[in-house]
Structure formats: structure tokens, C-alpha cells
Amino acid sequence: MNSNIVKIIAILSIVASGLWIFGLGVMVQDQFFHKATPLRKEITSQTETANDQQLHLVALGDSLTRGTGDETGKGYVGYILDELRTKTKQPIQVTNLAIKGQRSAGLVKQLQQAEVQRQLKQADFVFMTIGGNDLFQGGETIRNFSIARINQTKASYLRNLDAIFRTIRTVNPQAIVFYISLYNPFNQLNNAKTTSAIVRQWNYDSAEVAARYPNIIAVPTYDLFELHANEYLYSDQFHPNKEGYKLIGERVASLITFTKGERK
């Protein structure tokens, strides 16, 4: 055999062996040392998509948002939830952070808590009642009636309300906030005309504060109770009963609309 042919065959054998060894190395590395980064990203993406499809509702405020007086325990938040389930098929998560007896100064402080802000950041809708305890003070306002003291209380309350709305808008610029205004639980008393006038002015001034911020809606409830207070109040003659809360919930829910049945 020609010596040149032998040399060529030898060279080709060396090259083939090298390619085989390289291929084996690639195969081993792929089987035993492959990183699962693409799979991890896919799982993360699926989780985020699932969370994005969920509606987050956050409720803030006082005993009205807790549902005190409703023997079913639902309160207006529960009735809003019932109505929303007829409008959308999206899963809904509700976080109720309301505190019985809370006044506006207390809510200002509560909104500084890290966990409360974390919940707010996720919210699509925020529902809030505040101010009833500031104004009525457990009935003390009626027992020791003083216009001067009421006006002083209202001035402090409006400053707090502005701070509340400002904090919510800072934490979550996009969520739609429903501020549920006051009704007059004392319109059956002798000074009903006076207390009704005070509540109406209180609501008007509160709505003016809400109007300073985008997507904060003041929802009236005064008219729901004015003519039928006895039918819609709990036995304590202050909180709504089941039917009263249902009226409030249905009114708030009527203001929430979805595109093609879905928000997102």
C-alpha cells in the first residue's frame, strides 16, 4: 500500500475518534449537568398568570365593614362578593382588614403597617367605611350635642381622610376605591332634622376630599336608610341589619362593571 494512502487513513481515523469523543462529552454533559432554568421560568410564568387572573378585594375601616349587626356574618362585603360572582368567572380573594370601633386616626396608623400595604398593592378593588365613630362617638355626640365640637371633630377627620386616600393612592395607584359614606341612624329622634343635616354635610365634605384623587368613588347610603331606618337597622339601632347591609352591598356592586364578563 502506498505510504501516502496509509498516512491519509491514519489522519482520518484520528479525526473520527476525536469527533466521537467530543460527541460523547456533549451527550454526557447534556444528560447529567443540564440546568433546568427554562422549566423554572415556565413554572414561574404559569404561577404569575394564575395570580393575575384572580381578583383581589381589600376591605378597610370600622365595624360596618366587619359586618356587625348582620346575623349571617356577611356584611356588605359579602353581598358585594355575591353580586360579583354573577358578573365574572374569575376567582376572587377577599381580605377584610377592618377593625370594630376604628376611627379615622386609627386607620391612618393601620395603613402604615407593612402587611396592610402588601395587601393593598395586590388589590383590584378597595372598599372602605370610616367616619361614623368619629362623628357619633358611641352616641356621645347626640347626648351632648354641640355644633362647635362637631365642626372641630370634622376638621380633624377630613385631614385624616385625606391622609388615608393619599396613602392608598401612593401604595396602589390603580385600584378602584369605594368610600361608603354615612347614613343617619338617629333620624327617629326628636332632633332628626338637625342630625340629618349634619350627616349630609359630613358626606358632602368627605366626597370633596375623595374627588381630589383618581378612581376614588364616594358611594351614598344616606337615602337607603332615611325613610326606612327601622327596617334596615340592627337591634342596637346603629348598625345595619342583614337587609341594610344587602342594600349597601348591592349599591356598591352596581358600580362595578366588567368588559366581556372579565376585569383582566
Protein backbone atom coordinates (compact mmCIF):
# COMPACT_ATOMS: atom_id res chain seq x y z
CA MET A 1 0.00 0.00 0.00
CA ASN A 2 1.27 3.44 -0.90
CA SER A 3 2.73 5.24 2.11
CA ASN A 4 0.68 8.41 1.33
CA ILE A 5 -2.58 6.44 1.44
CA VAL A 6 -1.60 4.99 4.82
CA LYS A 7 -0.94 8.45 6.18
CA ILE A 8 -4.35 9.71 4.96
CA ILE A 9 -6.17 6.78 6.56
CA ALA A 10 -4.36 7.36 9.83
CA ILE A 11 -5.27 11.06 9.87
CA LEU A 12 -8.94 10.31 9.13
CA SER A 13 -9.02 7.76 11.95
CA ILE A 14 -7.63 10.28 14.44
CA VAL A 15 -10.20 12.93 13.34
CA ALA A 16 -13.09 10.45 13.60
CA SER A 17 -12.00 9.37 17.05
CA GLY A 18 -11.80 13.00 18.17
CA LEU A 19 -15.29 13.77 16.89
CA TRP A 20 -16.71 10.67 18.63
CA ILE A 21 -15.11 11.63 21.95
CA PHE A 22 -16.41 15.22 21.61
CA GLY A 23 -19.92 13.98 20.85
CA LEU A 24 -19.85 11.64 23.82
CA GLY A 25 -18.79 14.51 26.06
CA VAL A 26 -21.64 16.73 24.86
CA MET A 27 -24.15 13.93 25.41
CA VAL A 28 -22.90 13.23 28.96
CA GLN A 29 -22.97 16.92 29.87
CA ASP A 30 -26.49 17.30 28.49
CA GLN A 31 -27.78 14.27 30.42
CA PHE A 32 -26.17 14.90 33.81
CA PHE A 33 -25.32 18.61 34.07
CA HIS A 34 -28.18 20.33 32.20
CA LYS A 35 -29.65 23.31 34.09
CA ALA A 36 -33.45 23.40 34.40
CA THR A 37 -33.69 27.18 34.01
CA PRO A 38 -36.19 27.15 31.11
CA LEU A 39 -38.52 24.82 33.08
CA ARG A 40 -38.24 27.01 36.17
CA LYS A 41 -39.15 30.09 34.16
CA GLU A 42 -42.15 28.30 32.70
CA ILE A 43 -43.42 27.35 36.17
CA THR A 44 -42.95 30.91 37.42
CA SER A 45 -44.77 32.24 34.40
CA GLN A 46 -47.70 29.88 34.99
CA THR A 47 -47.92 30.90 38.67
CA GLU A 48 -47.89 34.59 37.81
CA THR A 49 -50.57 34.04 35.18
CA ALA A 50 -52.78 32.25 37.72
CA ASN A 51 -52.36 35.10 40.21
CA ASP A 52 -53.07 37.69 37.52
CA GLN A 53 -56.41 36.01 36.82
CA GLN A 54 -57.52 36.41 40.43
CA LEU A 55 -59.46 39.44 41.64
CA HIS A 56 -58.18 40.85 44.92
CA LEU A 57 -60.63 42.72 47.14
CA VAL A 58 -59.40 44.57 50.23
CA ALA A 59 -61.82 45.96 52.83
CA LEU A 60 -60.82 48.66 55.32
CA GLY A 61 -62.40 50.65 58.10
CA ASP A 62 -64.67 50.04 61.05
CA SER A 63 -67.46 47.77 62.28
CA LEU A 64 -69.63 48.45 59.24
CA THR A 65 -67.01 46.78 57.06
CA ARG A 66 -66.75 43.95 59.60
CA GLY A 67 -70.49 43.40 59.17
CA THR A 68 -71.55 43.99 62.78
CA GLY A 69 -75.31 43.56 63.05
CA ASP A 70 -75.71 41.07 60.20
CA GLU A 71 -76.73 37.78 61.75
CA THR A 72 -75.42 35.93 58.69
CA GLY A 73 -71.95 37.41 59.21
CA LYS A 74 -71.70 38.51 55.59
CA GLY A 75 -71.95 42.28 55.90
CA TYR A 76 -71.92 44.48 52.81
CA VAL A 77 -68.61 42.94 51.68
CA GLY A 78 -70.27 39.53 51.50
CA TYR A 79 -73.14 40.86 49.43
CA ILE A 80 -70.72 42.61 47.07
CA LEU A 81 -68.99 39.27 46.65
CA ASP A 82 -72.31 37.58 45.83
CA GLU A 83 -73.01 40.16 43.14
CA LEU A 84 -69.51 40.00 41.64
CA ARG A 85 -69.79 36.24 41.24
CA THR A 86 -72.71 36.83 38.91
CA LYS A 87 -70.61 39.22 36.80
CA THR A 88 -67.30 37.38 36.46
CA LYS A 89 -65.96 33.82 36.50
CA GLN A 90 -62.61 34.95 37.87
CA PRO A 91 -61.60 33.59 41.29
CA ILE A 92 -61.95 36.26 43.97
CA GLN A 93 -59.82 36.73 47.07
CA VAL A 94 -61.17 38.91 49.90
CA THR A 95 -59.03 40.37 52.69
CA ASN A 96 -61.02 42.18 55.38
CA LEU A 97 -58.76 44.39 57.49
CA ALA A 98 -61.50 46.43 59.19
CA ILE A 99 -61.45 46.92 62.97
CA LYS A 100 -64.53 47.38 65.12
CA GLY A 101 -64.69 50.83 66.70
CA GLN A 102 -61.95 52.21 64.47
CA ARG A 103 -61.78 55.94 63.85
CA SER A 104 -60.01 57.77 61.07
CA ALA A 105 -56.83 58.37 63.11
CA GLY A 106 -56.58 54.64 63.74
CA LEU A 107 -56.91 53.85 60.04
CA VAL A 108 -54.16 56.35 59.23
CA LYS A 109 -51.84 54.38 61.52
CA GLN A 110 -53.03 50.98 60.29
CA LEU A 111 -52.17 51.91 56.71
CA GLN A 112 -48.52 52.30 57.70
CA GLN A 113 -48.24 48.59 58.54
CA ALA A 114 -46.15 46.58 56.08
CA GLU A 115 -48.64 43.71 55.78
CA VAL A 116 -51.55 46.09 55.17
CA GLN A 117 -49.59 47.81 52.41
CA ARG A 118 -48.67 44.44 50.91
CA GLN A 119 -52.36 43.54 50.69
CA LEU A 120 -53.20 46.95 49.23
CA LYS A 121 -50.59 46.59 46.49
CA GLN A 122 -52.37 43.47 45.24
CA ALA A 123 -55.87 44.98 45.37
CA ASP A 124 -58.07 45.46 42.33
CA PHE A 125 -60.86 46.96 44.45
CA VAL A 126 -60.79 48.58 47.89
CA PHE A 127 -63.94 49.03 49.99
CA MET A 128 -63.92 51.33 52.99
CA THR A 129 -66.18 52.71 55.72
CA ILE A 130 -64.78 55.26 58.14
CA GLY A 131 -66.07 58.32 59.95
CA GLY A 132 -69.13 57.04 61.79
CA ASN A 133 -67.21 56.60 65.02
CA ASP A 134 -65.56 60.00 64.57
CA LEU A 135 -68.92 61.72 64.23
CA PHE A 136 -71.20 59.80 66.58
CA GLN A 137 -68.62 58.72 69.19
CA GLY A 138 -70.78 55.93 70.52
CA GLY A 139 -73.80 58.24 70.86
CA GLU A 140 -71.93 60.92 72.83
CA THR A 141 -72.47 63.43 70.03
CA ILE A 142 -76.25 63.06 70.42
CA ARG A 143 -76.24 63.11 74.24
CA ASN A 144 -74.05 66.21 74.49
CA PHE A 145 -74.87 67.96 71.27
CA SER A 146 -72.51 70.77 70.23
CA ILE A 147 -72.16 72.15 66.71
CA ALA A 148 -68.79 73.69 67.56
CA ARG A 149 -67.41 70.36 68.76
CA ILE A 150 -68.81 68.53 65.73
CA ASN A 151 -67.14 71.00 63.37
CA GLN A 152 -63.86 70.61 65.22
CA THR A 153 -64.15 66.83 65.00
CA LYS A 154 -64.97 67.03 61.30
CA ALA A 155 -61.94 69.19 60.54
CA SER A 156 -59.64 66.62 62.14
CA TYR A 157 -61.46 63.78 60.40
CA LEU A 158 -61.15 65.37 56.96
CA ARG A 159 -57.40 65.76 57.43
CA ASN A 160 -57.19 62.08 58.33
CA LEU A 161 -59.37 61.11 55.39
CA ASP A 162 -57.08 62.98 53.02
CA ALA A 163 -54.09 61.16 54.52
CA ILE A 164 -55.90 57.81 54.11
CA PHE A 165 -56.68 58.41 50.44
CA ARG A 166 -53.20 59.72 49.77
CA THR A 167 -51.59 56.63 51.29
CA ILE A 168 -53.85 54.26 49.36
CA ARG A 169 -53.10 56.04 46.09
CA THR A 170 -49.36 56.01 46.82
CA VAL A 171 -49.30 52.29 47.63
CA ASN A 172 -51.62 51.34 44.77
CA PRO A 173 -52.27 53.96 42.08
CA GLN A 174 -54.58 51.70 40.05
CA ALA A 175 -57.09 50.05 42.42
CA ILE A 176 -60.63 51.41 42.37
CA VAL A 177 -61.57 52.61 45.85
CA PHE A 178 -65.18 52.75 47.05
CA TYR A 179 -65.58 55.01 50.05
CA ILE A 180 -69.00 54.23 51.54
CA SER A 181 -70.45 57.33 53.16
CA LEU A 182 -72.65 57.66 56.23
CA TYR A 183 -76.36 57.22 56.86
CA ASN A 184 -78.16 58.73 59.84
CA PRO A 185 -79.07 56.05 62.39
CA PHE A 186 -80.73 58.65 64.65
CA ASN A 187 -83.34 60.01 62.28
CA GLN A 188 -86.16 58.74 64.53
CA LEU A 189 -85.14 61.02 67.40
CA ASN A 190 -86.55 64.46 68.15
CA ASN A 191 -83.59 66.29 66.61
CA ALA A 192 -83.65 64.19 63.44
CA LYS A 193 -83.64 67.21 61.12
CA THR A 194 -80.51 68.56 62.75
CA THR A 195 -78.62 65.26 62.77
CA SER A 196 -79.65 64.56 59.18
CA ALA A 197 -78.32 67.95 58.09
CA ILE A 198 -75.03 67.22 59.87
CA VAL A 199 -74.67 63.81 58.21
CA ARG A 200 -75.44 65.25 54.77
CA GLN A 201 -72.79 67.96 55.18
CA TRP A 202 -70.31 65.42 56.55
CA ASN A 203 -70.86 63.25 53.48
CA TYR A 204 -70.54 66.20 51.13
CA ASP A 205 -67.23 67.30 52.63
CA SER A 206 -65.94 63.72 52.57
CA ALA A 207 -66.89 63.35 48.90
CA GLU A 208 -64.99 66.56 48.13
CA VAL A 209 -61.85 65.01 49.63
CA ALA A 210 -62.39 61.83 47.61
CA ALA A 211 -62.72 63.91 44.43
CA ARG A 212 -59.11 65.08 44.79
CA TYR A 213 -57.87 61.60 43.91
CA PRO A 214 -58.37 59.45 40.80
CA ASN A 215 -60.55 56.33 40.98
CA ILE A 216 -61.88 57.03 44.48
CA ILE A 217 -65.66 56.91 44.45
CA ALA A 218 -67.88 58.16 47.27
CA VAL A 219 -70.91 55.88 47.47
CA PRO A 220 -74.02 57.38 49.11
CA THR A 221 -76.06 55.36 51.61
CA TYR A 222 -77.97 58.17 53.31
CA ASP A 223 -81.04 57.75 51.11
CA LEU A 224 -81.21 53.99 51.68
CA PHE A 225 -81.94 54.43 55.39
CA GLU A 226 -83.62 57.82 55.64
CA LEU A 227 -87.21 56.68 55.08
CA HIS A 228 -86.95 53.12 56.40
CA ALA A 229 -84.35 53.22 59.16
CA ASN A 230 -86.28 50.91 61.48
CA GLU A 231 -86.50 48.24 58.78
CA TYR A 232 -82.79 48.25 57.99
CA LEU A 233 -81.14 48.77 61.39
CA TYR A 234 -79.95 46.10 63.81
CA SER A 235 -81.38 45.93 67.34
CA ASP A 236 -78.65 48.31 68.58
CA GLN A 237 -80.26 50.98 66.38
CA PHE A 238 -76.89 51.93 64.96
CA HIS A 239 -75.52 49.19 62.69
CA PRO A 240 -77.40 47.86 59.65
CA ASN A 241 -79.14 44.51 59.84
CA LYS A 242 -78.94 41.86 57.14
CA GLU A 243 -81.27 43.75 54.81
CA GLY A 244 -79.47 47.03 55.40
CA TYR A 245 -76.11 45.54 54.51
CA LYS A 246 -77.63 43.90 51.47
CA LEU A 247 -78.79 47.29 50.21
CA ILE A 248 -75.32 48.76 50.67
CA GLY A 249 -73.62 45.77 49.01
CA GLU A 250 -75.93 45.84 46.01
CA ARG A 251 -75.41 49.56 45.53
CA VAL A 252 -71.62 49.27 45.57
CA ALA A 253 -71.66 46.22 43.31
CA SER A 254 -73.86 48.06 40.80
CA LEU A 255 -70.97 50.49 40.24
CA ILE A 256 -68.51 47.71 39.31
CA THR A 257 -68.51 46.78 35.65
CA PHE A 258 -66.50 44.23 33.67
CA THR A 259 -65.56 44.03 30.00
CA LYS A 260 -66.97 40.85 28.47
CA GLY A 261 -67.54 39.48 31.92
CA GLU A 262 -63.88 39.76 32.97
CA ARG A 263 -61.84 42.54 34.51
CA LYS A 264 -58.46 41.26 33.29
